[in-house]
């Protein structure tokens, strides 16, 4: 089992962060859990937006296929990323320990999480102010995010390079997010930036989106091993 290293880092105050995902989210409340349905790009983009400070620390638990270059491309500093690839049955203890020393924890549980366990870890999150981003379902998650549709941009008729990815992201949750809202984002664009589509880009996408949609899932899911097209260590490949 990977042994987490606790760092002398003060727990962040439970305040709202800045806009996340190109303004689709006004912020992620400190000390909460967010569920992300099976999309590695969305998970990494949230991890970048959930950390309020540039020099904050992040941890990934149960994600051995996480691509370090892909994480770097989304703005995560690999020098401030702790990895516990295979924590085994002790994963709740690993998450609880890390929550006291980092600002954001990315997690893929090995299976279904009992509501009682989620509630206990929720108490830890509220006490430390850490944000838990879960690849898969999480009982009582404050927000649930998923990618409805996506398409890669840059390929022509038998030529070209993947330049960016457009995705329709759905946000559901409690309170103001209870009804759900969605929007099209670059996830990321050709410069590695996560942002909303401009009106011109939206109009162009609406005209070409009909038959060019790719499967939404990229990389880490809610369980099992990733498919051949995944976010692997040091690479990002399209589905």
Protein backbone atom coordinates (compact mmCIF):
# COMPACT_ATOMS: atom_id res chain seq x y z
CA UNK A 1 0.00 0.00 0.00
CA UNK A 2 1.25 3.47 -0.84
CA UNK A 3 2.03 5.46 2.29
CA UNK A 4 0.85 9.09 2.20
CA UNK A 5 3.20 11.76 3.49
CA UNK A 6 1.61 14.51 5.55
CA UNK A 7 3.01 17.94 4.92
CA UNK A 8 3.18 21.00 7.22
CA UNK A 9 0.35 22.73 5.43
CA UNK A 10 -2.39 24.65 7.22
CA UNK A 11 -5.93 23.58 6.45
CA UNK A 12 -7.67 26.02 4.10
CA UNK A 13 -10.53 28.11 5.41
CA UNK A 14 -14.02 26.95 4.37
CA UNK A 15 -14.65 29.67 1.80
CA UNK A 16 -15.92 29.71 -1.75
CA UNK A 17 -13.33 29.43 -4.49
CA UNK A 18 -13.31 31.39 -7.73
CA UNK A 19 -15.20 30.56 -10.92
CA UNK A 20 -14.64 27.03 -12.16
CA UNK A 21 -14.98 25.46 -15.62
CA UNK A 22 -15.11 28.64 -17.63
CA UNK A 23 -17.70 30.18 -15.31
CA UNK A 24 -20.14 27.24 -15.50
CA UNK A 25 -19.63 26.89 -11.73
CA UNK A 26 -19.35 30.01 -9.54
CA UNK A 27 -17.04 28.05 -7.25
CA UNK A 28 -16.68 24.89 -5.20
CA UNK A 29 -17.36 25.21 -1.50
CA UNK A 30 -14.47 24.18 0.68
CA UNK A 31 -15.00 21.01 2.67
CA UNK A 32 -17.41 19.36 0.23
CA UNK A 33 -17.44 16.29 -2.02
CA UNK A 34 -18.07 16.48 -5.77
CA UNK A 35 -18.99 13.49 -7.94
CA UNK A 36 -17.61 13.32 -11.50
CA UNK A 37 -19.06 10.70 -13.83
CA UNK A 38 -16.29 8.92 -15.73
CA UNK A 39 -14.37 11.73 -17.44
CA UNK A 40 -10.70 12.28 -16.62
CA UNK A 41 -10.48 15.67 -18.32
CA UNK A 42 -13.38 17.02 -16.29
CA UNK A 43 -11.89 15.60 -13.08
CA UNK A 44 -8.52 17.26 -13.71
CA UNK A 45 -10.10 20.56 -14.72
CA UNK A 46 -12.07 20.59 -11.46
CA UNK A 47 -8.93 19.80 -9.46
CA UNK A 48 -7.25 22.85 -10.94
CA UNK A 49 -10.22 25.12 -10.22
CA UNK A 50 -10.87 23.80 -6.71
CA UNK A 51 -7.46 24.81 -5.36
CA UNK A 52 -7.66 28.49 -4.32
CA UNK A 53 -3.90 28.98 -4.13
CA UNK A 54 -1.33 28.53 -6.86
CA UNK A 55 1.04 26.71 -4.49
CA UNK A 56 -1.61 24.40 -3.02
CA UNK A 57 -1.12 20.66 -2.75
CA UNK A 58 -3.24 17.95 -4.39
CA UNK A 59 -3.45 14.17 -3.91
CA UNK A 60 -4.75 11.33 -6.07
CA UNK A 61 -5.98 8.13 -4.41
CA UNK A 62 -6.85 4.94 -6.28
CA UNK A 63 -6.00 6.38 -9.72
CA UNK A 64 -2.94 4.45 -10.92
CA UNK A 65 -3.68 5.30 -14.57
CA UNK A 66 -3.66 9.06 -13.96
CA UNK A 67 -1.48 10.72 -16.60
CA UNK A 68 1.08 13.06 -15.06
CA UNK A 69 1.65 14.95 -18.30
CA UNK A 70 -2.10 15.26 -18.76
CA UNK A 71 -2.43 16.60 -15.21
CA UNK A 72 0.36 19.07 -15.88
CA UNK A 73 -1.42 20.18 -19.03
CA UNK A 74 -4.49 21.07 -16.98
CA UNK A 75 -2.40 23.20 -14.63
CA UNK A 76 -1.65 20.75 -11.78
CA UNK A 77 1.91 21.05 -10.49
CA UNK A 78 3.34 17.48 -10.46
CA UNK A 79 5.78 18.60 -7.79
CA UNK A 80 2.81 19.25 -5.49
CA UNK A 81 0.85 16.12 -6.35
CA UNK A 82 0.86 13.17 -3.92
CA UNK A 83 0.00 9.72 -5.32
CA UNK A 84 -1.50 6.78 -3.45
CA UNK A 85 -2.15 4.53 -6.44
CA UNK A 86 -3.36 1.38 -4.69
CA UNK A 87 -4.42 2.09 -1.11
CA UNK A 88 -6.42 -1.14 -0.86
CA UNK A 89 -9.06 -1.51 1.83
CA UNK A 90 -7.44 1.32 3.82
CA UNK A 91 -8.46 3.94 1.27
CA UNK A 92 -10.82 5.75 3.71
CA UNK A 93 -7.97 6.15 6.22
CA UNK A 94 -5.67 7.38 3.44
CA UNK A 95 -8.22 9.97 2.31
CA UNK A 96 -8.84 11.14 5.89
CA UNK A 97 -5.10 11.53 6.51
CA UNK A 98 -4.47 13.39 3.28
CA UNK A 99 -7.43 15.72 3.84
CA UNK A 100 -5.54 17.29 6.71
CA UNK A 101 -2.54 18.18 4.57
CA UNK A 102 -3.76 19.00 1.04
CA UNK A 103 -6.42 21.21 -0.49
CA UNK A 104 -7.83 18.76 -3.05
CA UNK A 105 -8.08 14.97 -3.08
CA UNK A 106 -8.95 13.07 -6.26
CA UNK A 107 -10.41 9.66 -5.49
CA UNK A 108 -11.70 6.59 -7.27
CA UNK A 109 -13.24 4.28 -4.66
CA UNK A 110 -12.80 0.55 -5.30
CA UNK A 111 -16.56 -0.01 -5.21
CA UNK A 112 -19.85 1.32 -3.92
CA UNK A 113 -19.44 3.64 -0.93
CA UNK A 114 -21.75 3.18 2.05
CA UNK A 115 -23.63 6.34 3.10
CA UNK A 116 -22.29 5.99 6.67
CA UNK A 117 -18.70 5.98 5.44
CA UNK A 118 -19.36 8.95 3.15
CA UNK A 119 -20.85 10.83 6.10
CA UNK A 120 -17.79 10.15 8.28
CA UNK A 121 -15.41 11.35 5.58
CA UNK A 122 -17.71 14.33 4.97
CA UNK A 123 -17.15 15.38 8.57
CA UNK A 124 -13.39 15.23 7.98
CA UNK A 125 -13.74 17.37 4.86
CA UNK A 126 -15.77 20.00 6.69
CA UNK A 127 -13.22 20.13 9.50
CA UNK A 128 -10.20 20.49 7.22
CA UNK A 129 -11.73 22.44 4.34
CA UNK A 130 -10.41 19.91 1.82
CA UNK A 131 -12.34 19.33 -1.42
CA UNK A 132 -12.93 15.70 -2.43
CA UNK A 133 -13.35 15.06 -6.17
CA UNK A 134 -14.68 11.55 -6.73
CA UNK A 135 -14.48 9.64 -10.03
CA UNK A 136 -17.87 7.97 -9.71
CA UNK A 137 -20.86 8.11 -7.38
CA UNK A 138 -20.62 9.55 -3.87
CA UNK A 139 -23.53 9.55 -1.38
CA UNK A 140 -24.49 13.09 -0.41
CA UNK A 141 -22.23 14.80 -2.95
CA UNK A 142 -22.78 18.55 -3.03
CA UNK A 143 -22.41 18.55 -6.82
CA UNK A 144 -22.62 15.92 -9.55
CA UNK A 145 -20.93 16.60 -12.87
CA UNK A 146 -20.90 14.64 -16.09
CA UNK A 147 -20.07 15.08 -19.77
CA UNK A 148 -23.13 14.59 -21.96
CA UNK A 149 -21.36 14.81 -25.30
CA UNK A 150 -17.94 15.73 -26.58
CA UNK A 151 -16.01 16.18 -29.80
CA UNK A 152 -12.34 16.56 -30.68
CA UNK A 153 -11.31 19.47 -32.90
CA UNK A 154 -8.39 19.63 -35.31
CA UNK A 155 -8.75 16.54 -37.46
CA UNK A 156 -9.68 17.04 -41.10
CA UNK A 157 -10.49 14.52 -43.82
CA UNK A 158 -7.69 12.08 -43.09
CA UNK A 159 -5.22 14.66 -41.82
CA UNK A 160 -4.52 17.04 -38.96
CA UNK A 161 -3.79 16.81 -35.25
CA UNK A 162 -6.06 16.83 -32.21
CA UNK A 163 -6.04 20.49 -31.14
CA UNK A 164 -8.73 20.61 -28.47
CA UNK A 165 -11.87 19.06 -27.08
CA UNK A 166 -15.34 20.55 -26.78
CA UNK A 167 -17.67 19.05 -24.20
CA UNK A 168 -21.19 19.64 -22.95
CA UNK A 169 -20.94 19.52 -19.16
CA UNK A 170 -23.98 18.91 -16.95
CA UNK A 171 -23.94 20.19 -13.35
CA UNK A 172 -26.48 18.90 -10.81
CA UNK A 173 -26.63 19.19 -7.05
CA UNK A 174 -28.28 20.73 -4.06
CA UNK A 175 -29.56 24.25 -3.57
CA UNK A 176 -29.12 26.51 -6.58
CA UNK A 177 -27.82 23.59 -8.66
CA UNK A 178 -30.79 21.33 -7.88
CA UNK A 179 -32.46 21.88 -11.26
CA UNK A 180 -29.23 21.26 -13.13
CA UNK A 181 -27.49 23.40 -15.70
CA UNK A 182 -25.24 22.67 -18.63
CA UNK A 183 -22.88 24.43 -20.96
CA UNK A 184 -20.36 23.79 -23.73
CA UNK A 185 -16.71 24.18 -22.77
CA UNK A 186 -13.28 23.72 -24.22
CA UNK A 187 -11.91 20.84 -22.16
CA UNK A 188 -9.25 22.02 -23.01
CA UNK A 189 -8.62 24.27 -26.03
CA UNK A 190 -5.48 24.21 -28.19
CA UNK A 191 -3.58 26.13 -25.51
CA UNK A 192 -4.57 23.77 -22.71
CA UNK A 193 -7.08 26.26 -21.26
CA UNK A 194 -10.50 25.25 -19.93
CA UNK A 195 -12.97 27.93 -20.98
CA UNK A 196 -16.44 28.51 -22.35
CA UNK A 197 -16.96 28.59 -26.08
CA UNK A 198 -17.18 32.07 -27.61
CA UNK A 199 -20.43 32.91 -29.46
CA UNK A 200 -18.64 32.38 -32.79
CA UNK A 201 -17.23 29.03 -31.67
CA UNK A 202 -20.64 28.01 -30.36
CA UNK A 203 -22.29 28.87 -33.68
CA UNK A 204 -19.64 26.92 -35.61
CA UNK A 205 -19.99 23.94 -33.28
CA UNK A 206 -23.78 23.97 -33.62
CA UNK A 207 -23.38 23.72 -37.39
CA UNK A 208 -20.96 20.78 -37.34
CA UNK A 209 -21.92 18.87 -34.21
CA UNK A 210 -24.48 16.62 -35.81
CA UNK A 211 -22.37 13.60 -36.68
CA UNK A 212 -19.05 14.48 -35.09
CA UNK A 213 -19.68 13.66 -31.47
CA UNK A 214 -17.31 11.34 -29.65
CA UNK A 215 -18.14 9.18 -26.64
CA UNK A 216 -18.09 11.32 -23.53
CA UNK A 217 -15.99 9.11 -21.29
CA UNK A 218 -12.26 9.71 -21.27
CA UNK A 219 -9.98 7.92 -18.84
CA UNK A 220 -10.86 7.29 -15.24
CA UNK A 221 -14.30 5.89 -14.48
CA UNK A 222 -16.19 4.72 -11.43
CA UNK A 223 -14.60 1.32 -11.27
CA UNK A 224 -12.62 -1.37 -13.02
CA UNK A 225 -9.72 -0.78 -15.35
CA UNK A 226 -9.76 1.91 -18.05
CA UNK A 227 -10.19 1.07 -21.68
CA UNK A 228 -7.32 1.22 -24.16
CA UNK A 229 -7.97 4.91 -24.78
CA UNK A 230 -7.35 6.46 -21.41
CA UNK A 231 -5.35 8.95 -19.48
CA UNK A 232 -2.20 6.98 -18.88
CA UNK A 233 0.96 8.03 -17.14
CA UNK A 234 2.55 10.56 -19.42
CA UNK A 235 0.02 10.61 -22.22
CA UNK A 236 -3.46 11.82 -23.10
CA UNK A 237 -5.25 9.96 -25.87
CA UNK A 238 -8.61 10.63 -27.41
CA UNK A 239 -11.54 8.27 -27.36
